[in-house]
Amino acid sequence: MRTWMGLALAAGMVAAAGLGVAFSQTRVDPATGPATRAPVAVAAAVARPRSAVDWQGAVGGLRRSGGAGDNLAANLDRAAVDRTRLPILLPVDAKLTAGARIYSFGDYYTITADAKGAGVSLSGTTAVIPTAKPLKVEVGPESLTVQRTVDGQLASFVRYGVLYTVEVRCDAPGDLRCADDNYVLGLVGKTTAVVLGAAARAEAGLGG
């Protein structure tokens, strides 16, 4: 049985490395292979210096969402949402977010959701560490890049000063959602709903 939480945590780390940041304390899990990284790596990462969040832009995104984010986040653990100190992004897809789960470490979060024959994970982090060999990123305001993974596609982009990732992993090798980047880029295009929990609202000057 696939552990989506572990895979989602690893996805955020791999994406961060692709955009010029890196996480430490990687370990290889004999059961799942080198893509799995220990949760301790996330804890170490969030203790690092943080990038500055564009709170004005995030609040603008929240207003443009028109309350959609709160409706989409209704099934998420509210305590985890409230301790997340950065803007949470959700895809405007109620079916996808209906059974979603969030794991928050304050300055890093990951959300996992199940689709038929596939899994989707979304993450955000402000912890950044320069690396000597960043992957090539596409020209654009959000530094969007897409990477082919062992069993899917992973897109990374920067918005509101936060590094976000959207990943899809497929059970079947021939699944068209993972054969190219069309599906994951479609998810990126829909990931526009902003959610601000209590900690993020306090950071943004909106109160708890």
C-alpha atoms as a PDB file:
ATOM      1  CA  MET A   1       0.000   0.000   0.000  1.00  0.00           C
ATOM      2  CA  ARG A   2       1.465   3.302  -1.097  1.00  0.00           C
ATOM      3  CA  THR A   3       2.184   5.833   1.654  1.00  0.00           C
ATOM      4  CA  TRP A   4       1.110   9.104   0.075  1.00  0.00           C
ATOM      5  CA  MET A   5       2.205  11.235   3.004  1.00  0.00           C
ATOM      6  CA  GLY A   6       5.806  10.038   2.716  1.00  0.00           C
ATOM      7  CA  LEU A   7       5.784  10.442  -1.048  1.00  0.00           C
ATOM      8  CA  ALA A   8       4.278  13.912  -0.805  1.00  0.00           C
ATOM      9  CA  LEU A   9       6.914  15.055   1.684  1.00  0.00           C
ATOM     10  CA  ALA A  10       9.613  13.737  -0.628  1.00  0.00           C
ATOM     11  CA  ALA A  11       8.023  15.502  -3.587  1.00  0.00           C
ATOM     12  CA  GLY A  12       8.345  18.893  -1.962  1.00  0.00           C
ATOM     13  CA  MET A  13      11.988  18.274  -1.230  1.00  0.00           C
ATOM     14  CA  VAL A  14      12.795  17.137  -4.762  1.00  0.00           C
ATOM     15  CA  ALA A  15      10.980  20.143  -6.223  1.00  0.00           C
ATOM     16  CA  ALA A  16      12.839  22.484  -3.913  1.00  0.00           C
ATOM     17  CA  ALA A  17      16.146  21.119  -5.144  1.00  0.00           C
ATOM     18  CA  GLY A  18      14.991  21.773  -8.707  1.00  0.00           C
ATOM     19  CA  LEU A  19      14.376  25.439  -7.983  1.00  0.00           C
ATOM     20  CA  GLY A  20      17.724  26.085  -6.341  1.00  0.00           C
ATOM     21  CA  VAL A  21      17.002  24.911  -2.829  1.00  0.00           C
ATOM     22  CA  ALA A  22      17.937  21.717  -1.079  1.00  0.00           C
ATOM     23  CA  PHE A  23      16.923  19.735   1.974  1.00  0.00           C
ATOM     24  CA  SER A  24      19.297  17.735   4.153  1.00  0.00           C
ATOM     25  CA  GLN A  25      19.214  14.390   5.960  1.00  0.00           C
ATOM     26  CA  THR A  26      17.934  12.333   3.044  1.00  0.00           C
ATOM     27  CA  ARG A  27      17.712   8.611   3.710  1.00  0.00           C
ATOM     28  CA  VAL A  28      16.948   5.639   1.482  1.00  0.00           C
ATOM     29  CA  ASP A  29      14.039   3.498   2.611  1.00  0.00           C
ATOM     30  CA  PRO A  30      14.624  -0.152   1.601  1.00  0.00           C
ATOM     31  CA  ALA A  31      10.883  -0.705   1.239  1.00  0.00           C
ATOM     32  CA  THR A  32      10.120   2.174  -1.105  1.00  0.00           C
ATOM     33  CA  GLY A  33      13.436   3.159  -2.664  1.00  0.00           C
ATOM     34  CA  PRO A  34      15.423   6.394  -2.851  1.00  0.00           C
ATOM     35  CA  ALA A  35      12.421   8.669  -3.425  1.00  0.00           C
ATOM     36  CA  THR A  36      11.375   8.370   0.227  1.00  0.00           C
ATOM     37  CA  ARG A  37      12.827  10.902   2.654  1.00  0.00           C
ATOM     38  CA  ALA A  38      12.509  10.909   6.386  1.00  0.00           C
ATOM     39  CA  PRO A  39      10.127  13.419   8.009  1.00  0.00           C
ATOM     40  CA  VAL A  40      13.116  14.588  10.086  1.00  0.00           C
ATOM     41  CA  ALA A  41      14.423  16.193   6.892  1.00  0.00           C
ATOM     42  CA  VAL A  42      11.360  18.403   6.770  1.00  0.00           C
ATOM     43  CA  ALA A  43      11.805  19.383  10.399  1.00  0.00           C
ATOM     44  CA  ALA A  44      15.410  20.321   9.661  1.00  0.00           C
ATOM     45  CA  ALA A  45      14.377  22.273   6.586  1.00  0.00           C
ATOM     46  CA  VAL A  46      11.776  24.422   8.285  1.00  0.00           C
ATOM     47  CA  ALA A  47      14.361  25.473  10.855  1.00  0.00           C
ATOM     48  CA  ARG A  48      16.382  27.097   8.061  1.00  0.00           C
ATOM     49  CA  PRO A  49      16.171  30.770   7.040  1.00  0.00           C
ATOM     50  CA  ARG A  50      12.902  31.572   5.291  1.00  0.00           C
ATOM     51  CA  SER A  51      12.119  33.509   2.165  1.00  0.00           C
ATOM     52  CA  ALA A  52       9.909  36.555   2.632  1.00  0.00           C
ATOM     53  CA  VAL A  53       6.227  36.015   1.957  1.00  0.00           C
ATOM     54  CA  ASP A  54       4.475  38.611  -0.196  1.00  0.00           C
ATOM     55  CA  TRP A  55       1.553  39.025   2.173  1.00  0.00           C
ATOM     56  CA  GLN A  56       0.023  41.879   0.198  1.00  0.00           C
ATOM     57  CA  GLY A  57      -0.101  39.657  -2.873  1.00  0.00           C
ATOM     58  CA  ALA A  58      -1.432  36.722  -0.849  1.00  0.00           C
ATOM     59  CA  VAL A  59      -4.240  38.823   0.641  1.00  0.00           C
ATOM     60  CA  GLY A  60      -5.071  39.996  -2.876  1.00  0.00           C
ATOM     61  CA  GLY A  61      -5.217  36.359  -3.961  1.00  0.00           C
ATOM     62  CA  LEU A  62      -7.471  35.568  -1.017  1.00  0.00           C
ATOM     63  CA  ARG A  63      -9.888  38.309  -2.046  1.00  0.00           C
ATOM     64  CA  ARG A  64      -9.873  37.153  -5.660  1.00  0.00           C
ATOM     65  CA  SER A  65     -10.694  33.642  -4.439  1.00  0.00           C
ATOM     66  CA  GLY A  66     -13.958  35.056  -3.122  1.00  0.00           C
ATOM     67  CA  GLY A  67     -14.261  32.532  -0.285  1.00  0.00           C
ATOM     68  CA  ALA A  68     -13.658  29.547  -2.563  1.00  0.00           C
ATOM     69  CA  GLY A  69     -10.561  28.576  -0.598  1.00  0.00           C
ATOM     70  CA  ASP A  70     -12.432  28.270   2.681  1.00  0.00           C
ATOM     71  CA  ASN A  71     -15.124  26.148   1.043  1.00  0.00           C
ATOM     72  CA  LEU A  72     -12.529  23.870  -0.552  1.00  0.00           C
ATOM     73  CA  ALA A  73     -10.628  23.607   2.742  1.00  0.00           C
ATOM     74  CA  ALA A  74     -13.718  22.689   4.755  1.00  0.00           C
ATOM     75  CA  ASN A  75     -12.633  19.034   5.013  1.00  0.00           C
ATOM     76  CA  LEU A  76      -9.041  19.790   6.009  1.00  0.00           C
ATOM     77  CA  ASP A  77      -7.898  19.529   9.628  1.00  0.00           C
ATOM     78  CA  ARG A  78      -8.484  23.071  10.881  1.00  0.00           C
ATOM     79  CA  ALA A  79      -5.758  22.875  13.519  1.00  0.00           C
ATOM     80  CA  ALA A  80      -3.180  22.056  10.823  1.00  0.00           C
ATOM     81  CA  VAL A  81      -4.472  24.864   8.604  1.00  0.00           C
ATOM     82  CA  ASP A  82      -4.294  27.353  11.480  1.00  0.00           C
ATOM     83  CA  ARG A  83      -0.689  26.545  12.375  1.00  0.00           C
ATOM     84  CA  THR A  84       0.507  26.984   8.769  1.00  0.00           C
ATOM     85  CA  ARG A  85       2.395  30.271   8.595  1.00  0.00           C
ATOM     86  CA  LEU A  86       2.182  30.725   4.833  1.00  0.00           C
ATOM     87  CA  PRO A  87      -0.566  30.947   2.219  1.00  0.00           C
ATOM     88  CA  ILE A  88      -2.076  27.560   1.384  1.00  0.00           C
ATOM     89  CA  LEU A  89      -2.992  27.033  -2.262  1.00  0.00           C
ATOM     90  CA  LEU A  90      -5.765  24.670  -3.339  1.00  0.00           C
ATOM     91  CA  PRO A  91      -6.996  23.650  -6.791  1.00  0.00           C
ATOM     92  CA  VAL A  92     -10.465  24.866  -7.679  1.00  0.00           C
ATOM     93  CA  ASP A  93     -11.784  21.308  -7.833  1.00  0.00           C
ATOM     94  CA  ALA A  94     -14.184  20.335  -5.059  1.00  0.00           C
ATOM     95  CA  LYS A  95     -14.145  16.672  -6.100  1.00  0.00           C
ATOM     96  CA  LEU A  96     -10.366  16.486  -5.726  1.00  0.00           C
ATOM     97  CA  THR A  97     -10.203  18.305  -2.395  1.00  0.00           C
ATOM     98  CA  ALA A  98     -13.188  16.512  -0.816  1.00  0.00           C
ATOM     99  CA  GLY A  99     -11.022  13.787   0.720  1.00  0.00           C
ATOM    100  CA  ALA A 100      -7.785  15.749   0.963  1.00  0.00           C
ATOM    101  CA  ARG A 101      -5.517  15.571   4.018  1.00  0.00           C
ATOM    102  CA  ILE A 102      -3.073  18.222   5.235  1.00  0.00           C
ATOM    103  CA  TYR A 103       0.179  17.776   7.166  1.00  0.00           C
ATOM    104  CA  SER A 104       1.640  21.028   8.458  1.00  0.00           C
ATOM    105  CA  PHE A 105       5.001  21.885  10.012  1.00  0.00           C
ATOM    106  CA  GLY A 106       4.330  25.616  10.234  1.00  0.00           C
ATOM    107  CA  ASP A 107       6.629  26.816   7.462  1.00  0.00           C
ATOM    108  CA  TYR A 108       6.025  23.723   5.348  1.00  0.00           C
ATOM    109  CA  TYR A 109       2.808  21.934   4.486  1.00  0.00           C
ATOM    110  CA  THR A 110       1.752  19.159   2.178  1.00  0.00           C
ATOM    111  CA  ILE A 111      -1.738  18.158   1.109  1.00  0.00           C
ATOM    112  CA  THR A 112      -2.535  14.754  -0.329  1.00  0.00           C
ATOM    113  CA  ALA A 113      -5.608  13.698  -2.276  1.00  0.00           C
ATOM    114  CA  ASP A 114      -6.622  10.470  -3.965  1.00  0.00           C
ATOM    115  CA  ALA A 115      -7.931  10.150  -7.493  1.00  0.00           C
ATOM    116  CA  LYS A 116      -8.918   6.930  -9.231  1.00  0.00           C
ATOM    117  CA  GLY A 117      -5.670   5.101  -9.965  1.00  0.00           C
ATOM    118  CA  ALA A 118      -3.545   8.064  -8.915  1.00  0.00           C
ATOM    119  CA  GLY A 119      -2.548  10.354  -6.096  1.00  0.00           C
ATOM    120  CA  VAL A 120      -2.060  14.109  -6.046  1.00  0.00           C
ATOM    121  CA  SER A 121       0.047  16.088  -3.620  1.00  0.00           C
ATOM    122  CA  LEU A 122       0.417  19.825  -3.173  1.00  0.00           C
ATOM    123  CA  SER A 123       2.971  21.522  -0.970  1.00  0.00           C
ATOM    124  CA  GLY A 124       4.319  24.901  -0.002  1.00  0.00           C
ATOM    125  CA  THR A 125       7.442  26.004   1.851  1.00  0.00           C
ATOM    126  CA  THR A 126       9.441  29.129   2.625  1.00  0.00           C
ATOM    127  CA  ALA A 127      12.582  27.291   3.766  1.00  0.00           C
ATOM    128  CA  VAL A 128      15.301  27.770   1.165  1.00  0.00           C
ATOM    129  CA  ILE A 129      18.970  26.799   0.945  1.00  0.00           C
ATOM    130  CA  PRO A 130      21.132  27.637  -2.102  1.00  0.00           C
ATOM    131  CA  THR A 131      22.435  24.646  -4.018  1.00  0.00           C
ATOM    132  CA  ALA A 132      25.302  24.508  -6.487  1.00  0.00           C
ATOM    133  CA  LYS A 133      23.389  22.710  -9.259  1.00  0.00           C
ATOM    134  CA  PRO A 134      19.849  24.004  -9.678  1.00  0.00           C
ATOM    135  CA  LEU A 135      17.794  22.510 -12.485  1.00  0.00           C
ATOM    136  CA  LYS A 136      16.991  24.725 -15.438  1.00  0.00           C
ATOM    137  CA  VAL A 137      13.739  26.608 -14.874  1.00  0.00           C
ATOM    138  CA  GLU A 138      11.439  28.025 -17.523  1.00  0.00           C
ATOM    139  CA  VAL A 139      11.328  31.751 -18.139  1.00  0.00           C
ATOM    140  CA  GLY A 140       8.260  33.234 -16.493  1.00  0.00           C
ATOM    141  CA  PRO A 141       7.087  35.250 -13.513  1.00  0.00           C
ATOM    142  CA  GLU A 142       6.589  32.151 -11.354  1.00  0.00           C
ATOM    143  CA  SER A 143       9.739  30.218 -12.366  1.00  0.00           C
ATOM    144  CA  LEU A 144       7.581  27.276 -13.407  1.00  0.00           C
ATOM    145  CA  THR A 145       9.375  24.006 -14.019  1.00  0.00           C
ATOM    146  CA  VAL A 146       8.115  20.460 -14.604  1.00  0.00           C
ATOM    147  CA  GLN A 147      10.052  17.301 -13.791  1.00  0.00           C
ATOM    148  CA  ARG A 148       9.329  13.739 -14.833  1.00  0.00           C
ATOM    149  CA  THR A 149       9.372  11.444 -11.792  1.00  0.00           C
ATOM    150  CA  VAL A 150       9.553   7.659 -11.562  1.00  0.00           C
ATOM    151  CA  ASP A 151       5.775   7.317 -11.637  1.00  0.00           C
ATOM    152  CA  GLY A 152       4.413  10.726 -12.548  1.00  0.00           C
ATOM    153  CA  GLN A 153       4.969  14.422 -13.055  1.00  0.00           C
ATOM    154  CA  LEU A 154       5.953  17.186 -10.633  1.00  0.00           C
ATOM    155  CA  ALA A 155       5.530  20.909 -11.236  1.00  0.00           C
ATOM    156  CA  SER A 156       7.182  23.610  -9.123  1.00  0.00           C
ATOM    157  CA  PHE A 157       6.532  27.326  -9.092  1.00  0.00           C
ATOM    158  CA  VAL A 158       6.994  30.396  -6.917  1.00  0.00           C
ATOM    159  CA  ARG A 159       4.010  32.538  -5.916  1.00  0.00           C
ATOM    160  CA  TYR A 160       3.743  35.134  -3.133  1.00  0.00           C
ATOM    161  CA  GLY A 161       7.413  34.410  -2.357  1.00  0.00           C
ATOM    162  CA  VAL A 162       6.576  30.775  -1.545  1.00  0.00           C
ATOM    163  CA  LEU A 163       7.803  27.657  -3.334  1.00  0.00           C
ATOM    164  CA  TYR A 164       4.819  25.488  -4.276  1.00  0.00           C
ATOM    165  CA  THR A 165       4.712  22.070  -5.880  1.00  0.00           C
ATOM    166  CA  VAL A 166       1.945  20.093  -7.536  1.00  0.00           C
ATOM    167  CA  GLU A 167       2.597  16.409  -8.166  1.00  0.00           C
ATOM    168  CA  VAL A 168       0.632  13.569  -9.695  1.00  0.00           C
ATOM    169  CA  ARG A 169       1.657   9.904  -9.330  1.00  0.00           C
ATOM    170  CA  CYS A 170      -0.047   7.115 -11.247  1.00  0.00           C
ATOM    171  CA  ASP A 171      -0.478   3.463 -10.335  1.00  0.00           C
ATOM    172  CA  ALA A 172      -0.406   2.265 -13.972  1.00  0.00           C
ATOM    173  CA  PRO A 173       2.690   2.999 -16.096  1.00  0.00           C
ATOM    174  CA  GLY A 174       0.531   3.765 -19.134  1.00  0.00           C
ATOM    175  CA  ASP A 175      -1.765   6.247 -17.389  1.00  0.00           C
ATOM    176  CA  LEU A 176      -2.037   9.268 -19.680  1.00  0.00           C
ATOM    177  CA  ARG A 177      -2.191  11.647 -16.712  1.00  0.00           C
ATOM    178  CA  CYS A 178       1.454  10.840 -16.021  1.00  0.00           C
ATOM    179  CA  ALA A 179       2.676  10.236 -19.570  1.00  0.00           C
ATOM    180  CA  ASP A 180       3.287  13.931 -20.194  1.00  0.00           C
ATOM    181  CA  ASP A 181       2.957  17.248 -18.374  1.00  0.00           C
ATOM    182  CA  ASN A 182      -0.516  18.229 -19.625  1.00  0.00           C
ATOM    183  CA  TYR A 183      -2.421  16.954 -16.596  1.00  0.00           C
ATOM    184  CA  VAL A 184      -0.062  18.369 -13.963  1.00  0.00           C
ATOM    185  CA  LEU A 185       0.040  21.736 -15.748  1.00  0.00           C
ATOM    186  CA  GLY A 186      -3.749  21.718 -15.793  1.00  0.00           C
ATOM    187  CA  LEU A 187      -3.686  21.221 -12.016  1.00  0.00           C
ATOM    188  CA  VAL A 188      -1.237  24.107 -11.644  1.00  0.00           C
ATOM    189  CA  GLY A 189      -3.600  26.281 -13.663  1.00  0.00           C
ATOM    190  CA  LYS A 190      -6.448  25.411 -11.273  1.00  0.00           C
ATOM    191  CA  THR A 191      -4.395  25.842  -8.098  1.00  0.00           C
ATOM    192  CA  THR A 192      -5.462  29.411  -7.441  1.00  0.00           C
ATOM    193  CA  ALA A 193      -7.649  29.316  -4.309  1.00  0.00           C
ATOM    194  CA  VAL A 194      -5.874  30.928  -1.347  1.00  0.00           C
ATOM    195  CA  VAL A 195      -6.450  29.776   2.232  1.00  0.00           C
ATOM    196  CA  LEU A 196      -5.061  31.685   5.220  1.00  0.00           C
ATOM    197  CA  GLY A 197      -5.226  29.984   8.600  1.00  0.00           C
ATOM    198  CA  ALA A 198      -4.927  31.785  11.928  1.00  0.00           C
ATOM    199  CA  ALA A 199      -1.112  31.912  11.936  1.00  0.00           C
ATOM    200  CA  ALA A 200      -0.973  33.137   8.324  1.00  0.00           C
ATOM    201  CA  ARG A 201      -3.633  35.763   8.971  1.00  0.00           C
ATOM    202  CA  ALA A 202      -1.628  37.033  11.917  1.00  0.00           C
ATOM    203  CA  GLU A 203       1.511  37.211   9.743  1.00  0.00           C
ATOM    204  CA  ALA A 204      -0.463  39.095   7.092  1.00  0.00           C
ATOM    205  CA  GLY A 205      -1.739  41.601   9.649  1.00  0.00           C
ATOM    206  CA  LEU A 206      -5.340  40.397   9.384  1.00  0.00           C
ATOM    207  CA  GLY A 207      -5.612  39.124  12.935  1.00  0.00           C
ATOM    208  CA  GLY A 208      -5.941  35.500  14.054  1.00  0.00           C
END
